[in-house]
Amino acid sequence: MRFVLLFLALLIASPAHARWKPQYASSPYAAWYESQRGCGGGKCCNKADAEAYYGNWSFNADGSVTLDNGAKIASCSVLRGPNPTGHAVWWHNGPVSFCFAPGSDF
C-alpha cells in the first residue's frame, strides 16, 4: 500500500510536459509553431497546447490581450510577427496562457 501511495504522490508531483497534438504534427506550419517564443524567450509550449482561436479579442493599453472568454495574455506573450495560419492562435494549458498570435488580419 505504501508503494502505491508513494507512486501516486510522485506522479502527481511530476511536472506536466506538453504533448504534440496529432493535428499539428504534419502541419505545413510546424516550423512556425515550433519557433514561437513568449516571455523570457521560452517556447510557446511547442505548439502542443496551441489551438485556433476564432473568438473576439482586444488589445489593452499595456500591449496585453484580453480574450472574450476573460483570459488575459501578458504583452510579452503576444506575438508580433507574421502568423501564416490565417487565424489567431492561443497557446494555453487550461487557464494558463503561454502565448497568443493575432490572426493574419492583424
Protein backbone atom coordinates (compact mmCIF):
# COMPACT_ATOMS: atom_id res chain seq x y z
CA MET A 1 0.00 0.00 0.00
CA ARG A 2 2.85 2.41 0.80
CA PHE A 3 4.38 1.78 -2.60
CA VAL A 4 1.10 2.68 -4.32
CA LEU A 5 0.77 5.88 -2.28
CA LEU A 6 4.38 6.82 -2.98
CA PHE A 7 3.89 6.17 -6.70
CA LEU A 8 0.73 8.30 -6.78
CA ALA A 9 2.45 11.11 -4.86
CA LEU A 10 5.36 11.13 -7.33
CA LEU A 11 3.00 11.02 -10.28
CA ILE A 12 1.01 13.98 -9.02
CA ALA A 13 4.17 15.97 -8.17
CA SER A 14 5.75 15.40 -11.59
CA PRO A 15 5.78 18.44 -13.87
CA ALA A 16 3.38 18.32 -16.78
CA HIS A 17 5.03 18.28 -20.18
CA ALA A 18 3.35 19.47 -23.32
CA ARG A 19 2.42 16.82 -25.86
CA TRP A 20 2.24 17.14 -29.61
CA LYS A 21 -1.29 17.27 -30.87
CA PRO A 22 -1.65 14.95 -33.87
CA GLN A 23 -3.39 17.60 -35.99
CA TYR A 24 -0.25 19.77 -35.87
CA ALA A 25 2.39 17.09 -36.35
CA SER A 26 2.09 17.22 -40.14
CA SER A 27 1.04 20.86 -40.40
CA PRO A 28 2.73 22.91 -43.12
CA TYR A 29 3.25 25.49 -40.33
CA ALA A 30 5.03 23.10 -37.95
CA ALA A 31 8.28 25.09 -38.12
CA TRP A 32 6.40 28.32 -37.37
CA TYR A 33 4.67 26.78 -34.34
CA GLU A 34 7.99 25.38 -33.09
CA SER A 35 9.80 28.72 -33.42
CA GLN A 36 7.37 30.88 -31.42
CA ARG A 37 8.67 32.29 -28.13
CA GLY A 38 6.89 34.16 -25.36
CA CYS A 39 8.01 35.91 -22.17
CA GLY A 40 11.65 35.37 -21.37
CA GLY A 41 12.27 33.59 -24.68
CA GLY A 42 10.51 30.39 -23.63
CA LYS A 43 8.83 28.29 -26.29
CA CYS A 44 5.09 28.70 -26.63
CA CYS A 45 4.72 25.14 -25.36
CA ASN A 46 5.99 23.63 -28.62
CA LYS A 47 2.52 24.15 -30.14
CA ALA A 48 1.27 21.27 -28.04
CA ASP A 49 -1.39 23.34 -26.38
CA ALA A 50 -1.98 25.65 -29.32
CA GLU A 51 -5.44 25.97 -30.72
CA ALA A 52 -7.05 28.09 -33.36
CA TYR A 53 -8.83 30.99 -31.67
CA TYR A 54 -11.86 32.34 -33.52
CA GLY A 55 -13.36 34.33 -30.65
CA ASN A 56 -13.14 38.08 -30.17
CA TRP A 57 -10.10 39.58 -28.53
CA SER A 58 -8.80 43.07 -27.89
CA PHE A 59 -5.51 44.82 -27.23
CA ASN A 60 -5.19 46.59 -23.88
CA ALA A 61 -3.32 49.86 -23.36
CA ASP A 62 -0.31 47.98 -21.91
CA GLY A 63 0.02 45.75 -25.01
CA SER A 64 -1.56 42.71 -23.41
CA VAL A 65 -4.55 40.98 -24.98
CA THR A 66 -7.87 40.06 -23.40
CA LEU A 67 -9.86 37.24 -24.97
CA ASP A 68 -13.66 37.20 -24.94
CA ASN A 69 -13.52 34.27 -22.51
CA GLY A 70 -11.81 36.53 -19.95
CA ALA A 71 -8.28 35.19 -20.38
CA LYS A 72 -5.57 37.86 -20.36
CA ILE A 73 -2.28 37.30 -22.14
CA ALA A 74 0.72 39.35 -20.98
CA SER A 75 2.14 41.79 -23.52
CA CYS A 76 5.44 39.87 -23.74
CA SER A 77 3.47 36.76 -24.73
CA VAL A 78 1.60 38.48 -27.57
CA LEU A 79 3.46 37.55 -30.74
CA ARG A 80 4.06 40.47 -33.07
CA GLY A 81 5.50 38.72 -36.12
CA PRO A 82 3.61 37.31 -39.11
CA ASN A 83 1.16 34.48 -38.49
CA PRO A 84 0.86 32.25 -41.57
CA THR A 85 -2.11 30.22 -40.28
CA GLY A 86 -4.74 32.79 -41.25
CA HIS A 87 -6.35 32.78 -37.78
CA ALA A 88 -5.41 33.71 -34.24
CA VAL A 89 -3.60 31.03 -32.25
CA TRP A 90 -3.72 30.70 -28.47
CA TRP A 91 -1.19 28.57 -26.59
CA HIS A 92 -2.57 27.55 -23.22
CA ASN A 93 -2.96 24.76 -20.74
CA GLY A 94 -6.38 25.22 -19.24
CA PRO A 95 -6.49 28.68 -17.68
CA VAL A 96 -2.73 29.27 -18.01
CA SER A 97 -1.85 31.24 -21.15
CA PHE A 98 1.59 30.94 -22.73
CA CYS A 99 1.29 32.91 -25.97
CA PHE A 100 -1.18 34.48 -28.37
CA ALA A 101 -0.65 35.18 -32.06
CA PRO A 102 -3.18 37.54 -33.65
CA GLY A 103 -4.58 36.33 -36.95
CA SER A 104 -3.21 37.30 -40.34
CA ASP A 105 -5.62 40.24 -40.50
CA PHE A 106 -3.77 41.91 -37.60
